Amino acid sequence: MRNTIMIAAILTLPSASAMADTSLAITFDLDGADVATTTYDCGPDTTLAVKYITSEANALALLPVEGAERVFAGVVAASGSRYVSGPYEWWADGETAMLTDLIADKMILECEASQQ
């Protein structure tokens, strides 16, 4: 059986004359891919569950930002694993990770992997 994951994003057109929703679905073949979830403690009452999907061709991280699930694509990093989604950067290195708004040049969260 072929394992796949589907990531869907719903985009709403801003024009009043185009009030219809548009959707996008991307299917990845997960044969040989590693799918893992890491839970991070990011301060008082803030916990993030980040799903990592890594294959030979792709590296993705799925995590919630401002109440919405976002897809982060893996990019080149000198150390650790670095992912970006729009203005956001998720950088995980060992047991620590940071969520940064690159446009505002501001760190949003500093996290540590939960010991489970």
N, C-alpha and C. Protein backbone atom coordinates (compact mmCIF):
# COMPACT_ATOMS: atom_id res chain seq x y z
N MET A 1 0.84 -1.17 0.00
CA MET A 1 0.00 0.00 0.00
C MET A 1 0.88 1.24 0.00
N ARG A 2 0.55 2.18 -0.78
CA ARG A 2 1.33 3.39 -0.92
C ARG A 2 0.91 4.40 0.14
N ASN A 3 1.87 4.85 0.94
CA ASN A 3 1.59 5.85 1.98
C ASN A 3 1.71 7.23 1.39
N THR A 4 0.72 8.06 1.61
CA THR A 4 0.78 9.44 1.14
C THR A 4 0.27 10.36 2.21
N ILE A 5 0.67 11.61 2.12
CA ILE A 5 0.13 12.64 3.00
C ILE A 5 -0.38 13.76 2.12
N MET A 6 -1.51 14.30 2.45
CA MET A 6 -2.07 15.38 1.68
C MET A 6 -2.12 16.63 2.54
N ILE A 7 -1.59 17.69 2.01
CA ILE A 7 -1.59 18.97 2.69
C ILE A 7 -2.50 19.88 1.88
N ALA A 8 -3.51 20.44 2.50
CA ALA A 8 -4.45 21.29 1.78
C ALA A 8 -4.45 22.67 2.38
N ALA A 9 -4.48 23.64 1.53
CA ALA A 9 -4.59 25.04 1.97
C ALA A 9 -5.78 25.65 1.27
N ILE A 10 -6.58 26.36 2.02
CA ILE A 10 -7.74 27.04 1.46
C ILE A 10 -7.39 28.51 1.32
N LEU A 11 -7.54 29.03 0.13
CA LEU A 11 -7.24 30.42 -0.14
C LEU A 11 -8.54 31.13 -0.48
N THR A 12 -8.79 32.26 0.15
CA THR A 12 -9.99 33.03 -0.13
C THR A 12 -9.60 34.23 -0.97
N LEU A 13 -10.28 34.43 -2.08
CA LEU A 13 -10.00 35.57 -2.94
C LEU A 13 -10.57 36.83 -2.31
N PRO A 14 -9.81 37.93 -2.28
CA PRO A 14 -10.26 39.13 -1.60
C PRO A 14 -11.33 39.92 -2.36
N SER A 15 -11.47 39.73 -3.63
CA SER A 15 -12.41 40.49 -4.44
C SER A 15 -13.85 40.11 -4.10
N ALA A 16 -14.72 41.12 -4.01
CA ALA A 16 -16.14 40.87 -3.72
C ALA A 16 -16.80 40.09 -4.84
N SER A 17 -16.34 40.30 -6.08
CA SER A 17 -16.94 39.59 -7.21
C SER A 17 -16.45 38.15 -7.31
N ALA A 18 -15.40 37.82 -6.59
CA ALA A 18 -14.84 36.46 -6.64
C ALA A 18 -14.87 35.86 -5.24
N MET A 19 -16.05 35.65 -4.70
CA MET A 19 -16.20 35.17 -3.33
C MET A 19 -16.02 33.65 -3.20
N ALA A 20 -15.72 32.95 -4.28
CA ALA A 20 -15.55 31.50 -4.24
C ALA A 20 -14.23 31.15 -3.58
N ASP A 21 -14.19 30.01 -2.90
CA ASP A 21 -12.96 29.51 -2.30
C ASP A 21 -12.17 28.73 -3.32
N THR A 22 -10.88 28.81 -3.22
CA THR A 22 -9.98 28.04 -4.06
C THR A 22 -9.18 27.14 -3.13
N SER A 23 -8.95 25.91 -3.52
CA SER A 23 -8.17 25.01 -2.67
C SER A 23 -7.00 24.44 -3.45
N LEU A 24 -5.99 24.03 -2.70
CA LEU A 24 -4.78 23.46 -3.27
C LEU A 24 -4.44 22.21 -2.46
N ALA A 25 -4.20 21.12 -3.13
CA ALA A 25 -3.81 19.88 -2.45
C ALA A 25 -2.50 19.41 -3.04
N ILE A 26 -1.55 19.10 -2.17
CA ILE A 26 -0.25 18.59 -2.59
C ILE A 26 -0.08 17.21 -1.99
N THR A 27 0.21 16.22 -2.81
CA THR A 27 0.36 14.86 -2.33
C THR A 27 1.84 14.47 -2.40
N PHE A 28 2.35 13.92 -1.30
CA PHE A 28 3.73 13.46 -1.24
C PHE A 28 3.75 11.96 -1.07
N ASP A 29 4.62 11.30 -1.79
CA ASP A 29 4.83 9.87 -1.63
C ASP A 29 5.70 9.68 -0.39
N LEU A 30 5.18 8.99 0.62
CA LEU A 30 5.93 8.81 1.87
C LEU A 30 6.69 7.50 1.94
N ASP A 31 6.74 6.75 0.84
CA ASP A 31 7.54 5.54 0.83
C ASP A 31 8.99 5.91 1.11
N GLY A 32 9.55 5.40 2.17
CA GLY A 32 10.93 5.70 2.54
C GLY A 32 11.10 6.99 3.31
N ALA A 33 10.02 7.73 3.55
CA ALA A 33 10.11 8.99 4.29
C ALA A 33 10.01 8.73 5.79
N ASP A 34 10.57 9.64 6.55
CA ASP A 34 10.48 9.59 8.00
C ASP A 34 9.47 10.64 8.44
N VAL A 35 8.47 10.21 9.21
CA VAL A 35 7.47 11.13 9.76
C VAL A 35 7.55 11.02 11.27
N ALA A 36 7.84 12.14 11.92
CA ALA A 36 8.02 12.15 13.38
C ALA A 36 7.40 13.42 13.96
N THR A 37 6.89 13.30 15.17
CA THR A 37 6.35 14.46 15.87
C THR A 37 7.18 14.72 17.11
N THR A 38 7.58 15.97 17.28
CA THR A 38 8.32 16.39 18.47
C THR A 38 7.49 17.45 19.19
N THR A 39 7.36 17.30 20.50
CA THR A 39 6.64 18.28 21.31
C THR A 39 7.67 19.19 21.97
N TYR A 40 7.41 20.48 21.90
CA TYR A 40 8.32 21.49 22.45
C TYR A 40 7.62 22.28 23.54
N ASP A 41 8.35 22.58 24.61
CA ASP A 41 7.90 23.51 25.65
C ASP A 41 8.48 24.88 25.26
N CYS A 42 7.57 25.86 25.15
CA CYS A 42 7.98 27.19 24.67
C CYS A 42 7.62 28.28 25.65
N GLY A 43 7.73 28.00 26.92
CA GLY A 43 7.38 28.99 27.94
C GLY A 43 6.13 28.59 28.68
N PRO A 44 5.73 29.42 29.61
CA PRO A 44 4.56 29.10 30.43
C PRO A 44 3.31 28.90 29.56
N ASP A 45 2.68 27.77 29.72
CA ASP A 45 1.42 27.45 29.04
C ASP A 45 1.52 27.43 27.52
N THR A 46 2.72 27.28 26.96
CA THR A 46 2.87 27.22 25.50
C THR A 46 3.61 25.95 25.12
N THR A 47 2.89 25.06 24.46
CA THR A 47 3.45 23.80 23.97
C THR A 47 3.16 23.69 22.48
N LEU A 48 4.15 23.28 21.70
CA LEU A 48 3.96 23.08 20.26
C LEU A 48 4.25 21.63 19.92
N ALA A 49 3.35 21.02 19.14
CA ALA A 49 3.60 19.70 18.57
C ALA A 49 3.96 19.93 17.11
N VAL A 50 5.20 19.63 16.75
CA VAL A 50 5.69 19.86 15.39
C VAL A 50 5.86 18.52 14.70
N LYS A 51 5.23 18.39 13.53
CA LYS A 51 5.36 17.16 12.74
C LYS A 51 6.42 17.41 11.67
N TYR A 52 7.43 16.55 11.64
CA TYR A 52 8.50 16.63 10.65
C TYR A 52 8.32 15.51 9.63
N ILE A 53 8.40 15.87 8.36
CA ILE A 53 8.31 14.91 7.26
C ILE A 53 9.59 15.05 6.45
N THR A 54 10.40 14.01 6.45
CA THR A 54 11.70 14.07 5.80
C THR A 54 11.85 12.91 4.84
N SER A 55 12.16 13.22 3.59
CA SER A 55 12.46 12.19 2.59
C SER A 55 13.73 12.61 1.88
N GLU A 56 14.14 11.81 0.92
CA GLU A 56 15.35 12.15 0.18
C GLU A 56 15.18 13.47 -0.57
N ALA A 57 13.96 13.75 -1.05
CA ALA A 57 13.72 14.94 -1.88
C ALA A 57 13.13 16.13 -1.13
N ASN A 58 12.48 15.90 0.02
CA ASN A 58 11.77 16.97 0.70
C ASN A 58 11.99 16.94 2.21
N ALA A 59 11.92 18.13 2.81
CA ALA A 59 11.92 18.25 4.27
C ALA A 59 10.87 19.30 4.62
N LEU A 60 9.88 18.88 5.40
CA LEU A 60 8.79 19.77 5.79
C LEU A 60 8.61 19.73 7.30
N ALA A 61 8.09 20.82 7.84
CA ALA A 61 7.68 20.87 9.23
C ALA A 61 6.27 21.48 9.24
N LEU A 62 5.38 20.87 9.99
CA LEU A 62 4.02 21.37 10.13
C LEU A 62 3.84 21.82 11.56
N LEU A 63 3.53 23.12 11.75
CA LEU A 63 3.34 23.63 13.11
C LEU A 63 2.35 24.78 13.11
N PRO A 64 1.69 24.96 14.25
CA PRO A 64 0.72 26.04 14.35
C PRO A 64 1.40 27.38 14.63
N VAL A 65 0.96 28.41 13.89
CA VAL A 65 1.43 29.77 14.11
C VAL A 65 0.21 30.67 14.13
N GLU A 66 0.06 31.42 15.20
CA GLU A 66 -1.07 32.33 15.36
C GLU A 66 -2.41 31.64 15.10
N GLY A 67 -2.55 30.42 15.63
CA GLY A 67 -3.81 29.70 15.56
C GLY A 67 -4.08 28.94 14.27
N ALA A 68 -3.17 28.97 13.31
CA ALA A 68 -3.37 28.25 12.05
C ALA A 68 -2.18 27.33 11.78
N GLU A 69 -2.48 26.13 11.28
CA GLU A 69 -1.43 25.17 10.91
C GLU A 69 -0.73 25.69 9.67
N ARG A 70 0.60 25.75 9.71
CA ARG A 70 1.39 26.23 8.56
C ARG A 70 2.35 25.14 8.11
N VAL A 71 2.63 25.14 6.82
CA VAL A 71 3.59 24.22 6.21
C VAL A 71 4.89 24.97 6.02
N PHE A 72 5.97 24.49 6.65
CA PHE A 72 7.29 25.08 6.53
C PHE A 72 8.14 24.17 5.65
N ALA A 73 8.83 24.74 4.68
CA ALA A 73 9.72 23.99 3.79
C ALA A 73 11.16 24.08 4.30
N GLY A 74 11.86 22.96 4.23
CA GLY A 74 13.25 22.92 4.66
C GLY A 74 14.14 23.71 3.71
N VAL A 75 15.06 24.48 4.28
CA VAL A 75 16.03 25.26 3.50
C VAL A 75 17.43 25.01 4.06
N VAL A 76 18.44 25.49 3.36
CA VAL A 76 19.83 25.26 3.74
C VAL A 76 20.11 25.91 5.10
N ALA A 77 20.83 25.17 5.95
CA ALA A 77 21.24 25.67 7.26
C ALA A 77 22.67 25.23 7.54
N ALA A 78 23.42 26.10 8.19
CA ALA A 78 24.80 25.75 8.57
C ALA A 78 24.80 24.68 9.65
N SER A 79 23.80 24.73 10.53
CA SER A 79 23.67 23.71 11.56
C SER A 79 22.19 23.53 11.88
N GLY A 80 21.83 22.37 12.37
CA GLY A 80 20.44 22.11 12.71
C GLY A 80 19.57 21.98 11.48
N SER A 81 18.27 22.16 11.68
CA SER A 81 17.28 22.08 10.61
C SER A 81 16.52 23.39 10.56
N ARG A 82 16.50 24.00 9.40
CA ARG A 82 15.86 25.31 9.23
C ARG A 82 14.73 25.18 8.23
N TYR A 83 13.57 25.75 8.59
CA TYR A 83 12.37 25.69 7.76
C TYR A 83 11.78 27.09 7.67
N VAL A 84 11.16 27.42 6.53
CA VAL A 84 10.52 28.72 6.38
C VAL A 84 9.11 28.56 5.82
N SER A 85 8.24 29.51 6.21
CA SER A 85 6.87 29.60 5.72
C SER A 85 6.49 31.07 5.73
N GLY A 86 6.39 31.67 4.54
CA GLY A 86 6.10 33.10 4.48
C GLY A 86 7.15 33.87 5.25
N PRO A 87 6.74 34.74 6.19
CA PRO A 87 7.71 35.53 6.94
C PRO A 87 8.33 34.79 8.12
N TYR A 88 7.90 33.54 8.37
CA TYR A 88 8.32 32.82 9.56
C TYR A 88 9.47 31.84 9.29
N GLU A 89 10.33 31.70 10.29
CA GLU A 89 11.43 30.74 10.24
C GLU A 89 11.35 29.87 11.50
N TRP A 90 11.43 28.56 11.32
CA TRP A 90 11.51 27.60 12.42
C TRP A 90 12.89 26.97 12.33
N TRP A 91 13.69 27.13 13.36
CA TRP A 91 15.05 26.61 13.36
C TRP A 91 15.22 25.70 14.56
N ALA A 92 15.41 24.41 14.29
CA ALA A 92 15.59 23.42 15.34
C ALA A 92 17.03 22.91 15.28
N ASP A 93 17.68 22.89 16.45
CA ASP A 93 19.05 22.42 16.54
C ASP A 93 19.20 21.65 17.85
N GLY A 94 19.32 20.35 17.75
CA GLY A 94 19.38 19.52 18.95
C GLY A 94 18.06 19.56 19.69
N GLU A 95 18.09 19.92 20.96
CA GLU A 95 16.90 19.95 21.81
C GLU A 95 16.21 21.32 21.81
N THR A 96 16.77 22.30 21.12
CA THR A 96 16.20 23.65 21.13
C THR A 96 15.65 24.03 19.76
N ALA A 97 14.72 24.98 19.75
CA ALA A 97 14.15 25.48 18.51
C ALA A 97 13.67 26.91 18.72
N MET A 98 13.62 27.67 17.63
CA MET A 98 13.16 29.06 17.69
C MET A 98 12.20 29.33 16.54
N LEU A 99 11.15 30.08 16.82
CA LEU A 99 10.25 30.58 15.80
C LEU A 99 10.49 32.08 15.70
N THR A 100 10.82 32.55 14.50
CA THR A 100 11.16 33.95 14.28
C THR A 100 10.31 34.52 13.16
N ASP A 101 9.89 35.78 13.32
CA ASP A 101 9.26 36.54 12.24
C ASP A 101 10.41 37.29 11.56
N LEU A 102 10.78 36.87 10.35
CA LEU A 102 11.93 37.46 9.67
C LEU A 102 11.66 38.88 9.20
N ILE A 103 10.43 39.20 8.85
CA ILE A 103 10.10 40.55 8.39
C ILE A 103 10.22 41.54 9.55
N ALA A 104 9.66 41.17 10.70
CA ALA A 104 9.72 42.04 11.88
C ALA A 104 11.07 41.92 12.61
N ASP A 105 11.90 40.96 12.19
CA ASP A 105 13.19 40.69 12.84
C ASP A 105 12.99 40.50 14.34
N LYS A 106 12.04 39.59 14.66
CA LYS A 106 11.66 39.38 16.06
C LYS A 106 11.48 37.89 16.35
N MET A 107 12.11 37.42 17.43
CA MET A 107 11.90 36.05 17.85
C MET A 107 10.54 35.96 18.55
N ILE A 108 9.72 35.02 18.11
CA ILE A 108 8.37 34.85 18.67
C ILE A 108 8.40 33.85 19.81
N LEU A 109 9.08 32.72 19.58
CA LEU A 109 9.15 31.67 20.60
C LEU A 109 10.56 31.09 20.66
N GLU A 110 10.97 30.74 21.87
CA GLU A 110 12.20 29.98 22.08
C GLU A 110 11.76 28.72 22.81
N CYS A 111 12.07 27.56 22.24
CA CYS A 111 11.49 26.31 22.72
C CYS A 111 12.56 25.27 23.05
N GLU A 112 12.16 24.31 23.87
CA GLU A 112 13.01 23.18 24.20
C GLU A 112 12.18 21.91 24.05
N ALA A 113 12.76 20.88 23.44
CA ALA A 113 12.05 19.62 23.24
C ALA A 113 11.66 19.05 24.59
N SER A 114 10.41 18.58 24.68
CA SER A 114 9.91 17.97 25.91
C SER A 114 10.59 16.64 26.14
N GLN A 115 10.86 16.34 27.38
CA GLN A 115 11.44 15.05 27.74
C GLN A 115 10.30 14.09 28.02
N GLN A 116 10.05 13.19 27.09
CA GLN A 116 8.93 12.24 27.25
C GLN A 116 9.42 10.83 27.25
